[in-house]
Every structure is written in C-alpha cells, then in structure tokens.
C-alpha atoms as a PDB file:
ATOM      1  CA  MET A   1      97.971  29.027  68.766  1.00  0.00           C
ATOM      2  CA  GLN A   2      99.403  29.671  65.220  1.00  0.00           C
ATOM      3  CA  ARG A   3      99.931  26.176  64.602  1.00  0.00           C
ATOM      4  CA  GLU A   4      96.097  25.846  65.450  1.00  0.00           C
ATOM      5  CA  GLU A   5      94.851  28.542  63.038  1.00  0.00           C
ATOM      6  CA  LYS A   6      96.932  27.616  60.206  1.00  0.00           C
ATOM      7  CA  GLN A   7      95.697  24.054  60.432  1.00  0.00           C
ATOM      8  CA  LEU A   8      92.123  25.830  60.256  1.00  0.00           C
ATOM      9  CA  GLU A   9      92.984  27.566  57.504  1.00  0.00           C
ATOM     10  CA  ALA A  10      94.401  24.748  55.593  1.00  0.00           C
ATOM     11  CA  SER A  11      90.998  22.368  56.466  1.00  0.00           C
ATOM     12  CA  LEU A  12      88.821  25.726  55.144  1.00  0.00           C
ATOM     13  CA  ASP A  13      90.759  25.808  52.107  1.00  0.00           C
ATOM     14  CA  ALA A  14      90.237  22.513  51.421  1.00  0.00           C
ATOM     15  CA  LEU A  15      86.465  22.370  52.366  1.00  0.00           C
ATOM     16  CA  LEU A  16      86.283  25.390  50.207  1.00  0.00           C
ATOM     17  CA  SER A  17      87.479  23.841  47.410  1.00  0.00           C
ATOM     18  CA  GLN A  18      85.324  20.463  47.872  1.00  0.00           C
ATOM     19  CA  VAL A  19      82.516  22.527  48.093  1.00  0.00           C
ATOM     20  CA  ALA A  20      83.174  24.259  44.741  1.00  0.00           C
ATOM     21  CA  ASP A  21      83.535  21.069  43.068  1.00  0.00           C
ATOM     22  CA  LEU A  22      80.292  20.322  44.339  1.00  0.00           C
ATOM     23  CA  LYS A  23      78.621  23.093  43.495  1.00  0.00           C
ATOM     24  CA  ASN A  24      79.461  23.053  39.841  1.00  0.00           C
ATOM     25  CA  SER A  25      78.560  19.738  39.329  1.00  0.00           C
ATOM     26  CA  LEU A  26      75.340  20.686  40.690  1.00  0.00           C
ATOM     27  CA  GLY A  27      75.012  23.456  38.331  1.00  0.00           C
ATOM     28  CA  SER A  28      76.062  21.838  35.050  1.00  0.00           C
ATOM     29  CA  PHE A  29      73.721  18.867  36.035  1.00  0.00           C
ATOM     30  CA  ILE A  30      70.793  21.213  36.549  1.00  0.00           C
ATOM     31  CA  CYS A  31      71.277  23.227  33.140  1.00  0.00           C
ATOM     32  CA  LYS A  32      71.777  19.723  31.600  1.00  0.00           C
ATOM     33  CA  LEU A  33      68.134  19.245  32.975  1.00  0.00           C
ATOM     34  CA  GLU A  34      66.819  22.266  31.974  1.00  0.00           C
ATOM     35  CA  ASN A  35      68.644  22.677  28.774  1.00  0.00           C
ATOM     36  CA  GLU A  36      68.989  19.148  27.133  1.00  0.00           C
ATOM     37  CA  TYR A  37      65.924  17.378  28.630  1.00  0.00           C
ATOM     38  CA  GLY A  38      64.819  16.502  25.115  1.00  0.00           C
ATOM     39  CA  ARG A  39      67.662  14.274  24.350  1.00  0.00           C
ATOM     40  CA  LEU A  40      68.927  13.666  27.546  1.00  0.00           C
ATOM     41  CA  THR A  41      69.640   9.718  28.014  1.00  0.00           C
ATOM     42  CA  TRP A  42      69.672   7.916  31.276  1.00  0.00           C
ATOM     43  CA  PRO A  43      73.280   6.245  31.218  1.00  0.00           C
ATOM     44  CA  SER A  44      74.413  10.352  31.519  1.00  0.00           C
ATOM     45  CA  VAL A  45      72.035  11.232  34.236  1.00  0.00           C
ATOM     46  CA  LEU A  46      73.476   8.059  36.088  1.00  0.00           C
ATOM     47  CA  ASP A  47      76.737   9.688  35.555  1.00  0.00           C
ATOM     48  CA  SER A  48      76.279  12.841  36.929  1.00  0.00           C
ATOM     49  CA  PHE A  49      74.488  11.135  39.825  1.00  0.00           C
ATOM     50  CA  ALA A  50      77.595   8.838  40.371  1.00  0.00           C
ATOM     51  CA  LEU A  51      79.572  12.145  40.327  1.00  0.00           C
ATOM     52  CA  LEU A  52      77.787  13.907  43.067  1.00  0.00           C
ATOM     53  CA  SER A  53      77.993  10.816  45.383  1.00  0.00           C
ATOM     54  CA  GLY A  54      81.660  10.427  44.685  1.00  0.00           C
ATOM     55  CA  GLN A  55      81.860  14.374  45.668  1.00  0.00           C
ATOM     56  CA  LEU A  56      79.470  14.170  48.681  1.00  0.00           C
ATOM     57  CA  ASN A  57      81.669  11.273  49.938  1.00  0.00           C
ATOM     58  CA  THR A  58      84.946  13.200  49.590  1.00  0.00           C
ATOM     59  CA  LEU A  59      83.650  15.758  51.498  1.00  0.00           C
ATOM     60  CA  ASN A  60      82.385  13.799  54.353  1.00  0.00           C
ATOM     61  CA  LYS A  61      86.201  12.176  54.504  1.00  0.00           C
ATOM     62  CA  VAL A  62      87.299  15.695  54.404  1.00  0.00           C
ATOM     63  CA  LEU A  63      85.031  16.547  57.435  1.00  0.00           C
ATOM     64  CA  LYS A  64      85.953  13.171  59.221  1.00  0.00           C
ATOM     65  CA  HIS A  65      89.272  13.531  58.924  1.00  0.00           C
ATOM     66  CA  GLU A  66      91.482  13.535  62.134  1.00  0.00           C
ATOM     67  CA  LYS A  67      93.561  16.402  61.059  1.00  0.00           C
ATOM     68  CA  THR A  68      90.266  18.521  60.472  1.00  0.00           C
ATOM     69  CA  PRO A  69      89.473  20.271  63.309  1.00  0.00           C
ATOM     70  CA  LEU A  70      85.816  20.524  64.671  1.00  0.00           C
ATOM     71  CA  PHE A  71      84.102  23.364  63.005  1.00  0.00           C
ATOM     72  CA  ARG A  72      81.326  23.428  65.676  1.00  0.00           C
ATOM     73  CA  ASN A  73      83.622  24.558  68.215  1.00  0.00           C
ATOM     74  CA  GLN A  74      84.420  27.725  66.418  1.00  0.00           C
ATOM     75  CA  VAL A  75      82.311  30.968  67.069  1.00  0.00           C
ATOM     76  CA  ILE A  76      81.695  33.362  64.186  1.00  0.00           C
ATOM     77  CA  ILE A  77      80.389  37.078  65.312  1.00  0.00           C
ATOM     78  CA  PRO A  78      79.815  39.572  62.749  1.00  0.00           C
ATOM     79  CA  LEU A  79      82.088  42.486  63.237  1.00  0.00           C
ATOM     80  CA  VAL A  80      80.432  45.204  60.823  1.00  0.00           C
ATOM     81  CA  LEU A  81      76.771  45.921  59.947  1.00  0.00           C
ATOM     82  CA  SER A  82      76.473  48.074  57.193  1.00  0.00           C
ATOM     83  CA  PRO A  83      73.188  48.348  55.185  1.00  0.00           C
ATOM     84  CA  ASP A  84      75.208  49.421  51.864  1.00  0.00           C
ATOM     85  CA  ARG A  85      75.925  47.591  49.195  1.00  0.00           C
ATOM     86  CA  ASP A  86      79.368  45.308  50.072  1.00  0.00           C
ATOM     87  CA  GLU A  87      81.307  44.892  45.968  1.00  0.00           C
ATOM     88  CA  ASP A  88      83.474  42.362  48.110  1.00  0.00           C
ATOM     89  CA  LEU A  89      80.525  40.212  50.025  1.00  0.00           C
ATOM     90  CA  MET A  90      78.756  40.427  46.117  1.00  0.00           C
ATOM     91  CA  ARG A  91      81.865  38.948  44.761  1.00  0.00           C
ATOM     92  CA  GLN A  92      82.179  35.932  47.205  1.00  0.00           C
ATOM     93  CA  THR A  93      78.652  35.311  47.624  1.00  0.00           C
ATOM     94  CA  GLU A  94      78.322  35.177  43.686  1.00  0.00           C
ATOM     95  CA  GLY A  95      75.841  37.870  43.854  1.00  0.00           C
ATOM     96  CA  ARG A  96      73.240  36.196  46.328  1.00  0.00           C
ATOM     97  CA  VAL A  97      74.409  38.349  49.554  1.00  0.00           C
ATOM     98  CA  PRO A  98      74.182  42.221  48.352  1.00  0.00           C
ATOM     99  CA  VAL A  99      74.226  43.776  51.867  1.00  0.00           C
ATOM    100  CA  PHE A 100      75.364  42.287  55.196  1.00  0.00           C
ATOM    101  CA  SER A 101      72.708  43.865  57.443  1.00  0.00           C
ATOM    102  CA  HIS A 102      70.748  43.107  60.633  1.00  0.00           C
ATOM    103  CA  GLU A 103      68.217  41.427  58.356  1.00  0.00           C
ATOM    104  CA  VAL A 104      70.247  38.896  56.818  1.00  0.00           C
ATOM    105  CA  VAL A 105      72.615  37.898  59.770  1.00  0.00           C
ATOM    106  CA  PRO A 106      70.096  35.993  61.758  1.00  0.00           C
ATOM    107  CA  ASP A 107      69.178  33.873  58.736  1.00  0.00           C
ATOM    108  CA  HIS A 108      73.284  33.276  57.200  1.00  0.00           C
ATOM    109  CA  LEU A 109      74.616  33.165  60.952  1.00  0.00           C
ATOM    110  CA  ARG A 110      71.742  30.913  62.961  1.00  0.00           C
ATOM    111  CA  THR A 111      72.957  27.823  64.657  1.00  0.00           C
ATOM    112  CA  LYS A 112      69.840  26.790  65.783  1.00  0.00           C
ATOM    113  CA  PRO A 113      66.607  25.997  63.799  1.00  0.00           C
ATOM    114  CA  ASP A 114      63.614  28.379  63.882  1.00  0.00           C
ATOM    115  CA  PRO A 115      61.481  28.424  66.965  1.00  0.00           C
ATOM    116  CA  GLU A 116      58.446  26.823  65.444  1.00  0.00           C
ATOM    117  CA  VAL A 117      60.862  23.943  64.272  1.00  0.00           C
ATOM    118  CA  GLU A 118      62.748  23.980  67.271  1.00  0.00           C
ATOM    119  CA  GLU A 119      59.266  23.389  69.137  1.00  0.00           C
ATOM    120  CA  GLN A 120      58.131  20.331  66.752  1.00  0.00           C
ATOM    121  CA  GLU A 121      61.449  18.877  67.549  1.00  0.00           C
ATOM    122  CA  LYS A 122      61.009  19.190  71.511  1.00  0.00           C
ATOM    123  CA  GLN A 123      57.766  17.827  71.070  1.00  0.00           C
ATOM    124  CA  LEU A 124      58.947  14.615  69.087  1.00  0.00           C
ATOM    125  CA  THR A 125      61.663  14.028  71.624  1.00  0.00           C
ATOM    126  CA  THR A 126      59.118  14.109  74.715  1.00  0.00           C
ATOM    127  CA  ASP A 127      56.772  11.966  73.104  1.00  0.00           C
ATOM    128  CA  ALA A 128      59.329   9.153  71.849  1.00  0.00           C
ATOM    129  CA  ALA A 129      60.741   9.430  75.990  1.00  0.00           C
ATOM    130  CA  ARG A 130      57.292   8.529  76.924  1.00  0.00           C
ATOM    131  CA  ILE A 131      57.788   5.176  74.934  1.00  0.00           C
ATOM    132  CA  GLY A 132      58.929   2.119  76.805  1.00  0.00           C
ATOM    133  CA  ALA A 133      61.428  -0.332  75.943  1.00  0.00           C
ATOM    134  CA  ASP A 134      58.673  -3.092  75.233  1.00  0.00           C
ATOM    135  CA  ALA A 135      57.087  -0.706  72.916  1.00  0.00           C
ATOM    136  CA  ALA A 136      60.083   0.690  71.374  1.00  0.00           C
ATOM    137  CA  GLN A 137      60.753  -3.017  70.340  1.00  0.00           C
ATOM    138  CA  GLN A 138      57.534  -3.543  68.840  1.00  0.00           C
ATOM    139  CA  ILE A 139      57.476  -0.492  66.931  1.00  0.00           C
ATOM    140  CA  GLN A 140      60.813  -1.079  65.666  1.00  0.00           C
ATOM    141  CA  SER A 141      59.704  -4.929  64.570  1.00  0.00           C
ATOM    142  CA  LEU A 142      56.521  -3.582  63.034  1.00  0.00           C
ATOM    143  CA  ASN A 143      59.005  -0.928  60.740  1.00  0.00           C
ATOM    144  CA  LYS A 144      61.165  -3.520  59.782  1.00  0.00           C
ATOM    145  CA  MET A 145      58.138  -5.670  58.691  1.00  0.00           C
ATOM    146  CA  CYS A 146      56.687  -2.582  56.963  1.00  0.00           C
ATOM    147  CA  SER A 147      60.045  -2.142  55.186  1.00  0.00           C
ATOM    148  CA  ASN A 148      60.716  -5.578  53.992  1.00  0.00           C
ATOM    149  CA  LEU A 149      57.023  -5.466  52.820  1.00  0.00           C
ATOM    150  CA  LEU A 150      57.403  -2.496  50.857  1.00  0.00           C
ATOM    151  CA  GLU A 151      60.583  -4.020  49.744  1.00  0.00           C
ATOM    152  CA  LYS A 152      58.906  -7.169  48.009  1.00  0.00           C
ATOM    153  CA  ILE A 153      56.258  -4.941  46.823  1.00  0.00           C
ATOM    154  CA  SER A 154      58.707  -2.751  44.783  1.00  0.00           C
ATOM    155  CA  LYS A 155      60.502  -5.886  43.495  1.00  0.00           C
ATOM    156  CA  GLU A 156      57.136  -7.491  42.154  1.00  0.00           C
ATOM    157  CA  GLU A 157      56.313  -4.110  40.559  1.00  0.00           C
ATOM    158  CA  ARG A 158      59.824  -4.322  38.952  1.00  0.00           C
ATOM    159  CA  GLU A 159      59.384  -7.433  37.857  1.00  0.00           C
ATOM    160  CA  SER A 160      55.827  -7.311  36.498  1.00  0.00           C
ATOM    161  CA  GLU A 161      56.851  -4.126  34.230  1.00  0.00           C
ATOM    162  CA  SER A 162      59.647  -5.994  32.926  1.00  0.00           C
ATOM    163  CA  GLY A 163      57.803  -8.876  31.985  1.00  0.00           C
ATOM    164  CA  GLY A 164      55.101  -7.072  30.324  1.00  0.00           C
ATOM    165  CA  LEU A 165      57.926  -5.513  28.103  1.00  0.00           C
ATOM    166  CA  ARG A 166      59.394  -9.177  27.115  1.00  0.00           C
ATOM    167  CA  PRO A 167      57.295 -10.634  24.169  1.00  0.00           C
ATOM    168  CA  ASN A 168      55.530 -13.867  25.642  1.00  0.00           C
ATOM    169  CA  LYS A 169      57.255 -16.896  24.251  1.00  0.00           C
ATOM    170  CA  GLN A 170      55.070 -18.832  22.382  1.00  0.00           C
ATOM    171  CA  THR A 171      54.494 -22.730  23.917  1.00  0.00           C
ATOM    172  CA  PHE A 172      52.863 -24.102  20.345  1.00  0.00           C
ATOM    173  CA  ASN A 173      52.853 -24.745  16.989  1.00  0.00           C
ATOM    174  CA  PRO A 174      49.969 -23.003  14.732  1.00  0.00           C
ATOM    175  CA  THR A 175      50.219 -25.490  12.290  1.00  0.00           C
ATOM    176  CA  ASP A 176      49.995 -28.538  13.913  1.00  0.00           C
ATOM    177  CA  THR A 177      47.000 -27.384  16.102  1.00  0.00           C
ATOM    178  CA  ASN A 178      44.857 -26.624  12.859  1.00  0.00           C
ATOM    179  CA  ALA A 179      45.904 -29.883  11.118  1.00  0.00           C
ATOM    180  CA  LEU A 180      44.777 -31.517  14.469  1.00  0.00           C
ATOM    181  CA  VAL A 181      41.380 -29.561  14.446  1.00  0.00           C
ATOM    182  CA  ALA A 182      40.717 -30.226  10.827  1.00  0.00           C
ATOM    183  CA  ALA A 183      41.465 -33.899  11.349  1.00  0.00           C
ATOM    184  CA  VAL A 184      39.166 -34.083  14.209  1.00  0.00           C
ATOM    185  CA  ALA A 185      36.118 -31.842  12.985  1.00  0.00           C
ATOM    186  CA  PHE A 186      36.589 -32.751   9.338  1.00  0.00           C
ATOM    187  CA  GLY A 187      38.603 -35.951   9.241  1.00  0.00           C
ATOM    188  CA  LYS A 188      41.014 -34.267   6.672  1.00  0.00           C
ATOM    189  CA  GLY A 189      44.394 -36.165   5.956  1.00  0.00           C
ATOM    190  CA  LEU A 190      42.781 -39.441   7.503  1.00  0.00           C
ATOM    191  CA  SER A 191      42.995 -42.843   5.422  1.00  0.00           C
ATOM    192  CA  ASN A 192      40.670 -45.502   4.810  1.00  0.00           C
ATOM    193  CA  TRP A 193      43.102 -48.309   5.361  1.00  0.00           C
ATOM    194  CA  ARG A 194      42.179 -51.267   7.605  1.00  0.00           C
ATOM    195  CA  PRO A 195      43.701 -54.116   9.213  1.00  0.00           C
ATOM    196  CA  SER A 196      44.066 -57.410   7.318  1.00  0.00           C
ATOM    197  CA  GLY A 197      42.278 -59.290   9.949  1.00  0.00           C
ATOM    198  CA  SER A 198      39.194 -57.081   9.784  1.00  0.00           C
ATOM    199  CA  SER A 199      35.913 -57.932   8.135  1.00  0.00           C
ATOM    200  CA  GLY A 200      32.099 -56.426   7.364  1.00  0.00           C
ATOM    201  CA  PRO A 201      29.586 -57.408   9.328  1.00  0.00           C
ATOM    202  CA  GLY A 202      27.903 -60.880   8.343  1.00  0.00           C
ATOM    203  CA  GLN A 203      31.316 -62.327   7.300  1.00  0.00           C
ATOM    204  CA  ALA A 204      33.341 -65.287   8.296  1.00  0.00           C
ATOM    205  CA  GLY A 205      35.684 -63.138  10.405  1.00  0.00           C
ATOM    206  CA  GLN A 206      32.998 -62.203  13.010  1.00  0.00           C
ATOM    207  CA  PRO A 207      30.840 -64.647  15.118  1.00  0.00           C
ATOM    208  CA  GLY A 208      27.455 -65.116  13.248  1.00  0.00           C
ATOM    209  CA  ALA A 209      24.151 -66.365  14.657  1.00  0.00           C
ATOM    210  CA  GLY A 210      25.108 -70.063  14.231  1.00  0.00           C
ATOM    211  CA  THR A 211      27.768 -69.659  17.054  1.00  0.00           C
ATOM    212  CA  ILE A 212      25.606 -67.900  19.175  1.00  0.00           C
ATOM    213  CA  LEU A 213      22.731 -70.665  18.879  1.00  0.00           C
ATOM    214  CA  ALA A 214      25.662 -73.482  19.225  1.00  0.00           C
ATOM    215  CA  GLY A 215      26.281 -71.680  22.371  1.00  0.00           C
ATOM    216  CA  THR A 216      22.644 -71.552  23.204  1.00  0.00           C
ATOM    217  CA  SER A 217      21.845 -75.228  22.654  1.00  0.00           C
ATOM    218  CA  GLY A 218      24.577 -76.058  24.652  1.00  0.00           C
ATOM    219  CA  LEU A 219      22.920 -74.037  27.820  1.00  0.00           C
ATOM    220  CA  GLN A 220      19.983 -75.751  26.990  1.00  0.00           C
ATOM    221  CA  GLN A 221      21.150 -79.665  26.907  1.00  0.00           C
ATOM    222  CA  VAL A 222      22.516 -78.953  29.998  1.00  0.00           C
ATOM    223  CA  GLN A 223      19.178 -77.894  31.355  1.00  0.00           C
ATOM    224  CA  MET A 224      17.501 -81.024  29.749  1.00  0.00           C
ATOM    225  CA  ALA A 225      20.023 -83.022  31.095  1.00  0.00           C
ATOM    226  CA  GLY A 226      18.372 -82.759  34.868  1.00  0.00           C
ATOM    227  CA  ALA A 227      14.518 -83.509  33.906  1.00  0.00           C
ATOM    228  CA  PRO A 228      14.079 -85.314  30.533  1.00  0.00           C
ATOM    229  CA  SER A 229      10.436 -85.864  31.031  1.00  0.00           C
ATOM    230  CA  GLN A 230       9.380 -82.185  31.235  1.00  0.00           C
ATOM    231  CA  GLN A 231      11.305 -81.101  28.232  1.00  0.00           C
ATOM    232  CA  GLN A 232      10.439 -84.049  25.387  1.00  0.00           C
ATOM    233  CA  PRO A 233       6.618 -82.677  25.003  1.00  0.00           C
ATOM    234  CA  MET A 234       7.634 -79.049  24.775  1.00  0.00           C
ATOM    235  CA  LEU A 235      10.799 -80.399  22.441  1.00  0.00           C
ATOM    236  CA  SER A 236       8.384 -82.350  20.277  1.00  0.00           C
ATOM    237  CA  GLY A 237       5.753 -79.509  19.896  1.00  0.00           C
ATOM    238  CA  VAL A 238       8.580 -77.630  18.861  1.00  0.00           C
ATOM    239  CA  GLN A 239       9.253 -79.648  16.116  1.00  0.00           C
ATOM    240  CA  MET A 240       6.112 -80.085  15.022  1.00  0.00           C
ATOM    241  CA  ALA A 241       5.349 -76.537  14.655  1.00  0.00           C
ATOM    242  CA  GLN A 242       8.606 -76.332  12.863  1.00  0.00           C
ATOM    243  CA  ALA A 243       7.540 -78.950  10.548  1.00  0.00           C
ATOM    244  CA  GLY A 244       4.058 -77.246   9.794  1.00  0.00           C
ATOM    245  CA  GLN A 245       5.931 -74.472   8.175  1.00  0.00           C
ATOM    246  CA  PRO A 246       6.735 -75.167   4.521  1.00  0.00           C
ATOM    247  CA  GLY A 247       9.038 -73.169   2.250  1.00  0.00           C
ATOM    248  CA  LYS A 248      11.408 -72.375   5.638  1.00  0.00           C
ATOM    249  CA  MET A 249      14.828 -73.596   5.783  1.00  0.00           C
ATOM    250  CA  PRO A 250      15.562 -75.671   9.017  1.00  0.00           C
ATOM    251  CA  SER A 251      17.741 -73.739  11.093  1.00  0.00           C
ATOM    252  CA  GLY A 252      20.786 -75.049  13.341  1.00  0.00           C
ATOM    253  CA  ILE A 253      18.990 -75.055  16.451  1.00  0.00           C
ATOM    254  CA  LYS A 254      16.190 -77.533  15.176  1.00  0.00           C
ATOM    255  CA  THR A 255      19.431 -80.037  15.454  1.00  0.00           C
ATOM    256  CA  ASN A 256      20.726 -78.774  18.414  1.00  0.00           C
ATOM    257  CA  ILE A 257      17.040 -79.593  20.096  1.00  0.00           C
ATOM    258  CA  LYS A 258      17.085 -82.639  18.555  1.00  0.00           C
ATOM    259  CA  SER A 259      20.230 -83.758  19.634  1.00  0.00           C
ATOM    260  CA  ALA A 260      19.423 -82.473  23.466  1.00  0.00           C
ATOM    261  CA  SER A 261      16.089 -84.577  23.305  1.00  0.00           C
ATOM    262  CA  MET A 262      18.168 -87.747  23.081  1.00  0.00           C
ATOM    263  CA  HIS A 263      19.372 -88.588  26.223  1.00  0.00           C
ATOM    264  CA  PRO A 264      22.383 -91.413  26.421  1.00  0.00           C
ATOM    265  CA  TYR A 265      20.099 -93.326  29.076  1.00  0.00           C
ATOM    266  CA  GLN A 266      17.105 -93.472  27.133  1.00  0.00           C
ATOM    267  CA  ARG A 267      18.677 -95.645  24.345  1.00  0.00           C
END
C-alpha cells in the first residue's frame, strides 16, 4: 500500500511539473501576443507553437507511461467545505479559487459533463447506433472524399496565392516586337535590294507578247492542219484587212498565220 502511495505521489509530482511548464509557456506566449503583436514575427510564433507541442507530447508520454497509475481510478472526496477565505488554497490555485464551498465544489470536482451536454451525447450515441453497416461505410467514404476535396481546394488556393506573389516571367522582347511591327506597318529597316535575275515589266527577262503569240500560232497550226480548206478564206481575209491598214507595223501573228496557211501537201 505504501509503495502504491509513493508511486502515486511521484507520478503526481511529475505531472504537476509538466503542467506547470506548459502553463508558463502558454502564459508567455499569450503575453507576447498581447504586448508584442506589432513587432511579432512568424518564425517566433512558430517557435512558440513548437515549444507547446513538445510539452504536450511530453505530458502525454508521462500519462501513458507504464509506471504511472490510472488516475481515473482515484477518487477525490472533499473533507472540509467552508465559505471562509482560505489563504493556502489561494496560493495553490494562484488566486483563482479563494474559497472551497458548496458552490465551487461541483464545478471543480465534477467527473461527468453537464446534464445538457450529457443528454446531447446520449442522443448522438443513439443516432449512431441506428445506422447500419452499409450506411456507415457510405458515410465514411463520403467523408473521405470531402476531406480529399477540401485538401485539393486548399492546395490550389495556396498555389494561386503564391503564384500571385511571384512576378510574372517575361516571354518576349519588347524591342524585337516593336521592330517587327514597324517593319510590317511602315517598312522601316527594309532595303530595296533585288536579285540579279529580276527585271521590270517589258524587259527581256520576262516573257513578252511575242512568246505568247508564238504559242498561239502553234495552236493555230495544229487546228488548221486538220481543215485547210476552211481556214484559207479566213486567213486571206485577215491578211487583206491587215494590208489595208497603212502605217501599222506588221506583227508577228501575220507571219505565223502565213506559215500556217502553207500546208506541206499543197505545194
């Protein structure tokens, strides 16, 4: 019995030490938030959160240790209830509980929640018991899908915010763009150079009317070869009409037509 009592006292001392450290850290962090919010930086806030998280993990390890007795099996019974002010209680509670009377005992020594909260908990337990296995599985899958969707939405929001903070990378050169627009719209920067084989209209480098007429005469020769008797009067009329126009230079088509009128079998 004495061994169990000593073990309980040692566990309570360790637990009180961890809780005191956690309380001091919370107090300093709250004080920092209230008094230094103007010059408070995010790394210092993260350091405070990391300290609190480490102390909570240590407290959980103390509670889950194999040598720590189950505190839920221990019963606390108030021995004395007095409406008078208790200095010792004030010192232990740091001024939070001045008296230990029948008004504060139900709040500080309660092992069950409030009746309203207890009733709501019972109602939720009853509703959960009515749900079948298939419905529970569907609800679980839907909850999982909703959680995944919320994670994706939050990730997209973070990426969009970070992308908006980053400057947009320029993908073009304004100087080259302006030069290209000026060249297309106003011809700025373009030279008048032409290839050596190019020539103007009517020059020897381009096919003229003589070549076109020569091709036309060749077609006429092919057509007239099949029907010489029908083409001869028409050709003679053309020749007479051209001969009756003085002052005109004879064209190449006249010669071609004459050559077409001479059939090799009419000699």
